[in-house]
Amino acid sequence: MSDYPSDLSVPTGPQLVRAFLSEIDKPRSTPAEKAAFFDFKARVFAALAERGGNPDAAKAAERARADRDRILSQIATGETLSGGGF
């Protein structure tokens, strides 16, 4: 879906946080780019939650997944309405 790393099992917690922080302020002009960022955010926070049992990180991952899913739904609806896609 993006240029974000797919395997987040290797980086340490601080490395994950740095990777996430380095992506926050980058411009995202398309819905697909925004969805990819929220997917990455969800995976980062899910990895942090798994490693440390942090309920706040788990909540952040869930919110990011909801944001990603909302954007993907809007993309799919837009493609259906415009006759594009499949």
N, C-alpha and C. Protein backbone atom coordinates (compact mmCIF):
# COMPACT_ATOMS: atom_id res chain seq x y z
N MET A 1 0.82 -1.19 0.00
CA MET A 1 0.00 0.00 0.00
C MET A 1 0.86 1.25 0.00
N SER A 2 2.11 1.14 0.48
CA SER A 2 2.91 2.36 0.62
C SER A 2 4.39 2.02 0.71
N ASP A 3 5.18 3.06 0.98
CA ASP A 3 6.62 2.89 1.17
C ASP A 3 6.98 2.67 2.63
N TYR A 4 5.99 2.57 3.48
CA TYR A 4 6.26 2.33 4.90
C TYR A 4 6.75 0.91 5.08
N PRO A 5 7.60 0.69 6.10
CA PRO A 5 8.10 -0.67 6.32
C PRO A 5 6.96 -1.63 6.63
N SER A 6 7.05 -2.83 6.08
CA SER A 6 6.00 -3.81 6.32
C SER A 6 6.28 -4.66 7.55
N ASP A 7 7.54 -4.88 7.86
CA ASP A 7 7.90 -5.70 9.02
C ASP A 7 8.33 -4.80 10.17
N LEU A 8 7.49 -4.71 11.18
CA LEU A 8 7.80 -3.88 12.34
C LEU A 8 8.23 -4.72 13.54
N SER A 9 8.57 -5.97 13.30
CA SER A 9 8.96 -6.85 14.41
C SER A 9 10.42 -6.64 14.83
N VAL A 10 11.24 -6.08 13.98
CA VAL A 10 12.66 -5.93 14.28
C VAL A 10 12.99 -4.65 15.04
N PRO A 11 12.45 -3.49 14.64
CA PRO A 11 12.82 -2.26 15.34
C PRO A 11 12.42 -2.29 16.82
N THR A 12 13.23 -1.63 17.62
CA THR A 12 12.91 -1.50 19.04
C THR A 12 11.78 -0.51 19.21
N GLY A 13 11.23 -0.43 20.41
CA GLY A 13 10.18 0.54 20.69
C GLY A 13 10.58 1.96 20.35
N PRO A 14 11.76 2.42 20.83
CA PRO A 14 12.18 3.78 20.48
C PRO A 14 12.37 3.97 18.97
N GLN A 15 12.84 2.95 18.28
CA GLN A 15 13.00 3.06 16.83
C GLN A 15 11.64 3.18 16.13
N LEU A 16 10.65 2.45 16.65
CA LEU A 16 9.30 2.56 16.10
C LEU A 16 8.74 3.96 16.28
N VAL A 17 8.95 4.51 17.47
CA VAL A 17 8.46 5.86 17.76
C VAL A 17 9.15 6.87 16.85
N ARG A 18 10.46 6.74 16.67
CA ARG A 18 11.18 7.66 15.78
C ARG A 18 10.69 7.54 14.34
N ALA A 19 10.44 6.31 13.89
CA ALA A 19 9.95 6.11 12.53
C ALA A 19 8.58 6.77 12.36
N PHE A 20 7.72 6.61 13.36
CA PHE A 20 6.40 7.23 13.30
C PHE A 20 6.51 8.75 13.31
N LEU A 21 7.31 9.28 14.21
CA LEU A 21 7.45 10.74 14.32
C LEU A 21 8.03 11.35 13.04
N SER A 22 8.90 10.61 12.36
CA SER A 22 9.49 11.15 11.13
C SER A 22 8.46 11.24 10.01
N GLU A 23 7.34 10.54 10.15
CA GLU A 23 6.31 10.54 9.10
C GLU A 23 5.16 11.50 9.37
N ILE A 24 5.04 12.00 10.58
CA ILE A 24 3.86 12.79 10.96
C ILE A 24 3.65 14.01 10.08
N ASP A 25 4.64 14.82 9.86
CA ASP A 25 4.47 16.09 9.18
C ASP A 25 4.64 16.04 7.67
N LYS A 26 4.81 14.87 7.12
CA LYS A 26 4.95 14.77 5.66
C LYS A 26 3.59 15.01 5.01
N PRO A 27 3.58 15.76 3.92
CA PRO A 27 2.29 16.05 3.27
C PRO A 27 1.70 14.80 2.61
N ARG A 28 0.41 14.68 2.75
CA ARG A 28 -0.34 13.59 2.11
C ARG A 28 -1.49 14.24 1.35
N SER A 29 -1.45 14.17 0.05
CA SER A 29 -2.43 14.91 -0.74
C SER A 29 -3.58 14.05 -1.24
N THR A 30 -3.41 12.75 -1.25
CA THR A 30 -4.48 11.89 -1.75
C THR A 30 -5.06 11.06 -0.62
N PRO A 31 -6.30 10.64 -0.77
CA PRO A 31 -6.88 9.76 0.25
C PRO A 31 -6.09 8.46 0.42
N ALA A 32 -5.55 7.93 -0.66
CA ALA A 32 -4.77 6.70 -0.57
C ALA A 32 -3.52 6.91 0.29
N GLU A 33 -2.87 8.06 0.14
CA GLU A 33 -1.70 8.37 0.96
C GLU A 33 -2.08 8.51 2.42
N LYS A 34 -3.22 9.13 2.68
CA LYS A 34 -3.69 9.27 4.06
C LYS A 34 -4.03 7.92 4.66
N ALA A 35 -4.67 7.06 3.89
CA ALA A 35 -5.01 5.71 4.38
C ALA A 35 -3.74 4.92 4.67
N ALA A 36 -2.73 5.06 3.81
CA ALA A 36 -1.47 4.35 4.03
C ALA A 36 -0.79 4.83 5.31
N PHE A 37 -0.85 6.12 5.58
CA PHE A 37 -0.26 6.64 6.81
C PHE A 37 -1.00 6.08 8.03
N PHE A 38 -2.33 6.09 8.01
CA PHE A 38 -3.08 5.56 9.15
C PHE A 38 -2.85 4.07 9.33
N ASP A 39 -2.63 3.35 8.23
CA ASP A 39 -2.29 1.93 8.33
C ASP A 39 -0.95 1.76 9.04
N PHE A 40 0.03 2.56 8.63
CA PHE A 40 1.34 2.52 9.27
C PHE A 40 1.24 2.88 10.75
N LYS A 41 0.48 3.93 11.05
CA LYS A 41 0.30 4.35 12.44
C LYS A 41 -0.33 3.22 13.26
N ALA A 42 -1.33 2.57 12.72
CA ALA A 42 -1.99 1.47 13.42
C ALA A 42 -1.01 0.34 13.70
N ARG A 43 -0.18 0.02 12.70
CA ARG A 43 0.78 -1.08 12.88
C ARG A 43 1.85 -0.72 13.90
N VAL A 44 2.30 0.54 13.91
CA VAL A 44 3.30 0.97 14.89
C VAL A 44 2.74 0.86 16.29
N PHE A 45 1.55 1.42 16.51
CA PHE A 45 0.99 1.40 17.85
C PHE A 45 0.58 -0.01 18.28
N ALA A 46 0.15 -0.84 17.34
CA ALA A 46 -0.16 -2.23 17.68
C ALA A 46 1.11 -2.96 18.13
N ALA A 47 2.22 -2.70 17.43
CA ALA A 47 3.49 -3.33 17.82
C ALA A 47 3.92 -2.85 19.20
N LEU A 48 3.77 -1.55 19.47
CA LEU A 48 4.11 -1.03 20.79
C LEU A 48 3.22 -1.63 21.87
N ALA A 49 1.94 -1.80 21.57
CA ALA A 49 1.01 -2.38 22.54
C ALA A 49 1.36 -3.84 22.83
N GLU A 50 1.71 -4.58 21.80
CA GLU A 50 2.08 -5.99 21.98
C GLU A 50 3.33 -6.15 22.84
N ARG A 51 4.30 -5.30 22.60
CA ARG A 51 5.57 -5.41 23.32
C ARG A 51 5.48 -4.99 24.77
N GLY A 52 4.69 -3.96 25.04
CA GLY A 52 4.68 -3.43 26.39
C GLY A 52 3.37 -3.60 27.12
N GLY A 53 2.39 -4.21 26.49
CA GLY A 53 1.10 -4.35 27.11
C GLY A 53 0.47 -3.01 27.45
N ASN A 54 0.72 -2.02 26.60
CA ASN A 54 0.27 -0.66 26.86
C ASN A 54 -1.15 -0.47 26.31
N PRO A 55 -2.15 -0.30 27.18
CA PRO A 55 -3.52 -0.13 26.70
C PRO A 55 -3.72 1.17 25.91
N ASP A 56 -2.96 2.20 26.23
CA ASP A 56 -3.08 3.46 25.47
C ASP A 56 -2.59 3.27 24.03
N ALA A 57 -1.53 2.51 23.85
CA ALA A 57 -1.03 2.23 22.50
C ALA A 57 -2.05 1.39 21.74
N ALA A 58 -2.68 0.44 22.42
CA ALA A 58 -3.71 -0.37 21.77
C ALA A 58 -4.89 0.50 21.32
N LYS A 59 -5.28 1.46 22.14
CA LYS A 59 -6.37 2.38 21.77
C LYS A 59 -5.97 3.24 20.59
N ALA A 60 -4.74 3.72 20.58
CA ALA A 60 -4.26 4.53 19.46
C ALA A 60 -4.26 3.71 18.17
N ALA A 61 -3.87 2.44 18.27
CA ALA A 61 -3.88 1.57 17.09
C ALA A 61 -5.30 1.39 16.57
N GLU A 62 -6.23 1.20 17.48
CA GLU A 62 -7.63 1.02 17.08
C GLU A 62 -8.19 2.27 16.41
N ARG A 63 -7.87 3.44 16.95
CA ARG A 63 -8.33 4.69 16.34
C ARG A 63 -7.73 4.87 14.95
N ALA A 64 -6.46 4.53 14.80
CA ALA A 64 -5.81 4.66 13.49
C ALA A 64 -6.42 3.69 12.49
N ARG A 65 -6.75 2.47 12.93
CA ARG A 65 -7.41 1.52 12.03
C ARG A 65 -8.79 2.04 11.60
N ALA A 66 -9.52 2.65 12.55
CA ALA A 66 -10.83 3.21 12.23
C ALA A 66 -10.69 4.35 11.21
N ASP A 67 -9.69 5.20 11.38
CA ASP A 67 -9.45 6.28 10.43
C ASP A 67 -9.10 5.73 9.05
N ARG A 68 -8.23 4.72 9.04
CA ARG A 68 -7.85 4.08 7.77
C ARG A 68 -9.07 3.49 7.08
N ASP A 69 -9.88 2.76 7.84
CA ASP A 69 -11.05 2.10 7.26
C ASP A 69 -12.07 3.12 6.74
N ARG A 70 -12.22 4.23 7.47
CA ARG A 70 -13.14 5.29 7.03
C ARG A 70 -12.68 5.86 5.69
N ILE A 71 -11.39 6.12 5.57
CA ILE A 71 -10.85 6.69 4.32
C ILE A 71 -10.98 5.68 3.18
N LEU A 72 -10.66 4.41 3.45
CA LEU A 72 -10.77 3.39 2.41
C LEU A 72 -12.23 3.22 1.96
N SER A 73 -13.14 3.34 2.90
CA SER A 73 -14.56 3.27 2.55
C SER A 73 -14.96 4.44 1.66
N GLN A 74 -14.46 5.63 1.98
CA GLN A 74 -14.75 6.80 1.16
C GLN A 74 -14.17 6.64 -0.24
N ILE A 75 -12.97 6.06 -0.31
CA ILE A 75 -12.35 5.81 -1.62
C ILE A 75 -13.21 4.85 -2.42
N ALA A 76 -13.64 3.76 -1.78
CA ALA A 76 -14.45 2.75 -2.47
C ALA A 76 -15.78 3.34 -2.92
N THR A 77 -16.40 4.14 -2.06
CA THR A 77 -17.67 4.77 -2.41
C THR A 77 -17.49 5.73 -3.57
N GLY A 78 -16.42 6.49 -3.53
CA GLY A 78 -16.13 7.43 -4.62
C GLY A 78 -15.90 6.72 -5.93
N GLU A 79 -15.21 5.59 -5.90
CA GLU A 79 -14.97 4.83 -7.13
C GLU A 79 -16.27 4.24 -7.64
N THR A 80 -17.12 3.78 -6.74
CA THR A 80 -18.40 3.21 -7.16
C THR A 80 -19.27 4.28 -7.79
N LEU A 81 -19.32 5.45 -7.15
CA LEU A 81 -20.16 6.53 -7.67
C LEU A 81 -19.66 7.07 -9.01
N SER A 82 -18.35 7.07 -9.20
CA SER A 82 -17.80 7.60 -10.44
C SER A 82 -17.69 6.56 -11.54
N GLY A 83 -18.02 5.30 -11.20
CA GLY A 83 -17.95 4.24 -12.21
C GLY A 83 -16.58 3.68 -12.41
N GLY A 84 -15.63 4.08 -11.57
CA GLY A 84 -14.27 3.57 -11.70
C GLY A 84 -14.08 2.30 -10.91
N GLY A 85 -12.85 1.86 -10.87
CA GLY A 85 -12.53 0.69 -10.05
C GLY A 85 -12.67 -0.60 -10.80
N PHE A 86 -13.48 -1.47 -10.27
CA PHE A 86 -13.53 -2.87 -10.72
C PHE A 86 -14.35 -2.95 -11.95
